[in-house]
């Protein structure tokens, strides 16, 4: 896939790691999280904090005016919030799709068994999960991976159990395990984009994702 250039940093990256901004017919600049809106788009790949600074100093307006080749545009003050909301929704939508496809496990007991068997590709914890519960499953993950004594652990999501439960259509979703490597990659991509925007990227394969060789079944 062709790389895109961030209009603020000048860095180039895969579009899946950037956020597209689209210009509406009324001149309003809005996030196009799925990059499906028609017409010219502009791409950004900076953190929320950097975006807020660029917005406050007028740098974003100048970059957008050049990208869209027009000065007739309206940038809502809530743009940083709109982007974060959109990225969170994209992650939750992806979790919902994987749940419907039976690609995820929920329930601490089931997850612990899968972790100890070494078949979990990705382990996720709700933002408001109890620390004791996280530690128990993280330890099971390390046992299954033969990684005891390391800091291998599940990812604490920037989403609470209420949002997870609603997105997945299940009751009280606190922990999530993914055994399918392709599903894990799809979720990691959606999560990575949100983490990057929030400035808290955890990276891979640490924090619950297996290394690429294992993920491919090597």
Protein backbone atom coordinates (compact mmCIF):
# COMPACT_ATOMS: atom_id res chain seq x y z
CA UNK A 1 0.00 0.00 0.00
CA UNK A 2 1.24 3.49 -0.84
CA UNK A 3 2.58 5.45 2.12
CA UNK A 4 1.04 8.79 3.03
CA UNK A 5 2.75 11.91 4.33
CA UNK A 6 1.70 13.56 7.58
CA UNK A 7 0.95 17.21 6.83
CA UNK A 8 2.29 18.27 10.23
CA UNK A 9 5.44 16.22 10.77
CA UNK A 10 6.33 15.47 7.16
CA UNK A 11 6.90 11.81 8.07
CA UNK A 12 5.63 9.07 5.78
CA UNK A 13 3.81 5.98 7.07
CA UNK A 14 1.30 3.30 6.19
CA UNK A 15 -2.18 4.87 5.96
CA UNK A 16 -3.39 2.33 8.53
CA UNK A 17 -1.27 4.12 11.13
CA UNK A 18 -2.41 7.62 10.17
CA UNK A 19 -5.68 9.52 10.40
CA UNK A 20 -7.27 11.00 7.29
CA UNK A 21 -8.99 14.37 7.49
CA UNK A 22 -11.65 15.16 4.91
CA UNK A 23 -13.16 18.44 3.79
CA UNK A 24 -16.95 18.51 3.83
CA UNK A 25 -19.08 20.40 1.28
CA UNK A 26 -19.54 23.22 3.79
CA UNK A 27 -15.79 23.55 4.29
CA UNK A 28 -15.71 21.80 7.66
CA UNK A 29 -12.68 19.61 8.37
CA UNK A 30 -13.65 16.30 9.96
CA UNK A 31 -11.87 13.01 10.70
CA UNK A 32 -12.36 10.24 8.16
CA UNK A 33 -11.26 7.32 10.32
CA UNK A 34 -12.00 4.65 7.73
CA UNK A 35 -10.55 6.76 4.88
CA UNK A 36 -13.68 6.27 2.79
CA UNK A 37 -14.93 9.83 2.27
CA UNK A 38 -14.78 11.12 -1.32
CA UNK A 39 -12.62 14.01 -2.42
CA UNK A 40 -9.22 15.27 -1.38
CA UNK A 41 -7.90 14.20 2.00
CA UNK A 42 -5.08 15.21 4.33
CA UNK A 43 -3.24 12.82 6.60
CA UNK A 44 -1.91 13.32 10.12
CA UNK A 45 0.26 11.01 12.20
CA UNK A 46 0.97 13.00 15.34
CA UNK A 47 -0.15 12.57 18.94
CA UNK A 48 -3.20 14.30 20.31
CA UNK A 49 -1.00 16.65 22.33
CA UNK A 50 0.93 17.66 19.20
CA UNK A 51 -2.30 18.12 17.27
CA UNK A 52 -3.73 20.38 19.98
CA UNK A 53 -0.56 22.48 19.89
CA UNK A 54 -0.68 22.74 16.10
CA UNK A 55 -4.36 23.71 16.28
CA UNK A 56 -3.76 26.39 18.91
CA UNK A 57 -0.78 27.92 17.06
CA UNK A 58 -2.45 27.94 13.65
CA UNK A 59 0.00 25.44 12.19
CA UNK A 60 -2.78 22.96 11.46
CA UNK A 61 -4.80 25.56 9.56
CA UNK A 62 -1.83 26.44 7.38
CA UNK A 63 -1.04 22.79 6.66
CA UNK A 64 -4.66 22.05 5.79
CA UNK A 65 -4.95 25.12 3.58
CA UNK A 66 -1.97 23.87 1.59
CA UNK A 67 -3.25 20.30 1.46
CA UNK A 68 -6.76 21.22 0.37
CA UNK A 69 -5.55 24.20 -1.70
CA UNK A 70 -8.12 26.49 -0.13
CA UNK A 71 -8.36 28.89 2.77
CA UNK A 72 -12.11 28.42 2.98
CA UNK A 73 -12.19 25.82 5.70
CA UNK A 74 -13.54 25.50 9.21
CA UNK A 75 -11.63 23.49 11.80
CA UNK A 76 -13.82 22.63 14.80
CA UNK A 77 -12.25 23.20 18.20
CA UNK A 78 -13.40 19.67 19.06
CA UNK A 79 -11.34 18.05 16.28
CA UNK A 80 -8.91 16.32 18.71
CA UNK A 81 -11.89 14.88 20.61
CA UNK A 82 -13.60 13.79 17.40
CA UNK A 83 -10.49 11.92 16.29
CA UNK A 84 -10.07 10.17 19.63
CA UNK A 85 -13.75 9.20 19.69
CA UNK A 86 -13.48 7.86 16.15
CA UNK A 87 -10.37 5.80 16.91
CA UNK A 88 -11.95 4.35 20.04
CA UNK A 89 -15.05 3.42 18.06
CA UNK A 90 -12.91 1.76 15.38
CA UNK A 91 -11.21 -0.38 18.03
CA UNK A 92 -14.51 -1.30 19.69
CA UNK A 93 -16.10 -2.09 16.32
CA UNK A 94 -13.18 -4.39 15.51
CA UNK A 95 -13.57 -6.14 18.88
CA UNK A 96 -17.26 -6.57 18.17
CA UNK A 97 -16.59 -8.10 14.75
CA UNK A 98 -14.02 -10.51 16.17
CA UNK A 99 -16.43 -11.50 18.94
CA UNK A 100 -19.19 -12.22 16.41
CA UNK A 101 -16.74 -14.36 14.45
CA UNK A 102 -15.91 -16.30 17.65
CA UNK A 103 -12.28 -15.15 17.49
CA UNK A 104 -12.00 -14.09 21.14
CA UNK A 105 -12.26 -15.66 24.56
CA UNK A 106 -13.75 -13.93 27.60
CA UNK A 107 -14.02 -15.07 31.19
CA UNK A 108 -10.99 -15.33 33.45
CA UNK A 109 -11.10 -19.12 33.85
CA UNK A 110 -11.22 -19.84 30.12
CA UNK A 111 -8.52 -17.28 29.43
CA UNK A 112 -6.25 -18.66 32.14
CA UNK A 113 -6.49 -22.17 30.69
CA UNK A 114 -5.74 -20.89 27.17
CA UNK A 115 -2.81 -18.82 28.45
CA UNK A 116 -1.26 -21.79 30.25
CA UNK A 117 -1.60 -23.86 27.08
CA UNK A 118 0.46 -21.23 25.26
CA UNK A 119 -2.17 -20.61 22.58
CA UNK A 120 -2.99 -16.95 23.32
CA UNK A 121 -1.71 -14.54 20.70
CA UNK A 122 -3.02 -11.40 22.38
CA UNK A 123 -4.16 -10.74 25.95
CA UNK A 124 -6.15 -7.60 26.74
CA UNK A 125 -7.35 -6.10 30.02
CA UNK A 126 -10.04 -3.45 30.52
CA UNK A 127 -8.81 -0.10 31.84
CA UNK A 128 -10.70 -0.69 35.10
CA UNK A 129 -9.73 -4.35 35.55
CA UNK A 130 -8.51 -5.26 39.03
CA UNK A 131 -4.74 -5.44 39.36
CA UNK A 132 -4.92 -8.88 40.99
CA UNK A 133 -6.89 -10.29 38.08
CA UNK A 134 -4.42 -8.85 35.60
CA UNK A 135 -1.45 -10.30 37.47
CA UNK A 136 -3.00 -13.76 37.59
CA UNK A 137 -3.62 -13.89 33.84
CA UNK A 138 -0.29 -12.26 33.03
CA UNK A 139 1.46 -14.96 35.03
CA UNK A 140 -0.50 -17.67 33.20
CA UNK A 141 0.54 -16.06 29.91
CA UNK A 142 4.21 -16.17 30.92
CA UNK A 143 3.91 -19.81 31.99
CA UNK A 144 2.37 -20.77 28.66
CA UNK A 145 5.03 -18.90 26.75
CA UNK A 146 7.82 -20.26 28.92
CA UNK A 147 8.65 -16.65 29.69
CA UNK A 148 8.61 -16.69 33.48
CA UNK A 149 10.83 -14.05 34.98
CA UNK A 150 10.20 -11.63 32.10
CA UNK A 151 7.89 -8.61 31.97
CA UNK A 152 5.59 -10.18 29.35
CA UNK A 153 2.06 -9.07 30.16
CA UNK A 154 -1.31 -8.33 28.64
CA UNK A 155 -2.17 -4.90 27.28
CA UNK A 156 -4.26 -2.63 29.49
CA UNK A 157 -6.70 -1.06 27.07
CA UNK A 158 -7.64 2.63 27.17
CA UNK A 159 -11.26 1.40 27.33
CA UNK A 160 -13.26 0.30 30.38
CA UNK A 161 -15.30 -2.86 30.90
CA UNK A 162 -18.60 -1.13 30.26
CA UNK A 163 -17.54 -0.06 26.75
CA UNK A 164 -16.03 -3.48 26.04
CA UNK A 165 -19.17 -5.29 27.16
CA UNK A 166 -21.39 -3.11 25.01
CA UNK A 167 -19.18 -3.44 21.94
CA UNK A 168 -18.94 -7.22 22.22
CA UNK A 169 -22.53 -7.87 23.21
CA UNK A 170 -21.47 -9.77 26.31
CA UNK A 171 -21.84 -9.23 30.05
CA UNK A 172 -19.01 -7.86 32.17
CA UNK A 173 -16.10 -8.18 29.72
CA UNK A 174 -12.97 -7.48 31.76
CA UNK A 175 -10.32 -9.60 30.02
CA UNK A 176 -10.03 -10.74 26.40
CA UNK A 177 -7.80 -13.39 24.88
CA UNK A 178 -7.23 -13.91 21.16
CA UNK A 179 -5.88 -17.23 19.93
CA UNK A 180 -6.17 -16.62 16.18
CA UNK A 181 -3.05 -14.87 14.85
CA UNK A 182 -4.87 -12.96 12.10
CA UNK A 183 -7.52 -11.67 14.49
CA UNK A 184 -4.75 -10.63 16.88
CA UNK A 185 -3.03 -8.67 14.09
CA UNK A 186 -6.24 -6.88 13.16
CA UNK A 187 -6.90 -5.90 16.76
CA UNK A 188 -3.30 -4.88 17.34
CA UNK A 189 -3.47 -2.55 14.34
CA UNK A 190 -6.65 -0.84 15.56
CA UNK A 191 -5.25 -0.58 19.08
CA UNK A 192 -1.87 0.65 17.86
CA UNK A 193 -3.41 3.57 16.00
CA UNK A 194 -5.36 4.67 19.08
CA UNK A 195 -2.34 4.24 21.34
CA UNK A 196 -0.13 6.23 18.97
CA UNK A 197 -2.63 9.09 18.91
CA UNK A 198 -2.91 9.06 22.70
CA UNK A 199 0.87 8.95 22.98
CA UNK A 200 0.95 5.67 24.89
CA UNK A 201 1.94 3.09 22.29
CA UNK A 202 2.99 -0.18 23.90
CA UNK A 203 4.55 -1.72 20.83
CA UNK A 204 4.73 -5.37 19.80
CA UNK A 205 5.39 -8.19 20.40
CA UNK A 206 5.72 -7.25 24.09
CA UNK A 207 2.61 -6.91 26.31
CA UNK A 208 0.63 -9.90 25.15
CA UNK A 209 1.35 -10.39 21.47
CA UNK A 210 3.48 -13.28 20.30
CA UNK A 211 6.49 -12.70 18.11
CA UNK A 212 5.91 -12.81 14.36
CA UNK A 213 7.40 -16.26 13.91
CA UNK A 214 5.13 -17.80 16.52
CA UNK A 215 2.14 -15.85 15.28
CA UNK A 216 2.64 -17.43 11.89
CA UNK A 217 2.85 -20.86 13.41
CA UNK A 218 6.57 -21.29 12.81
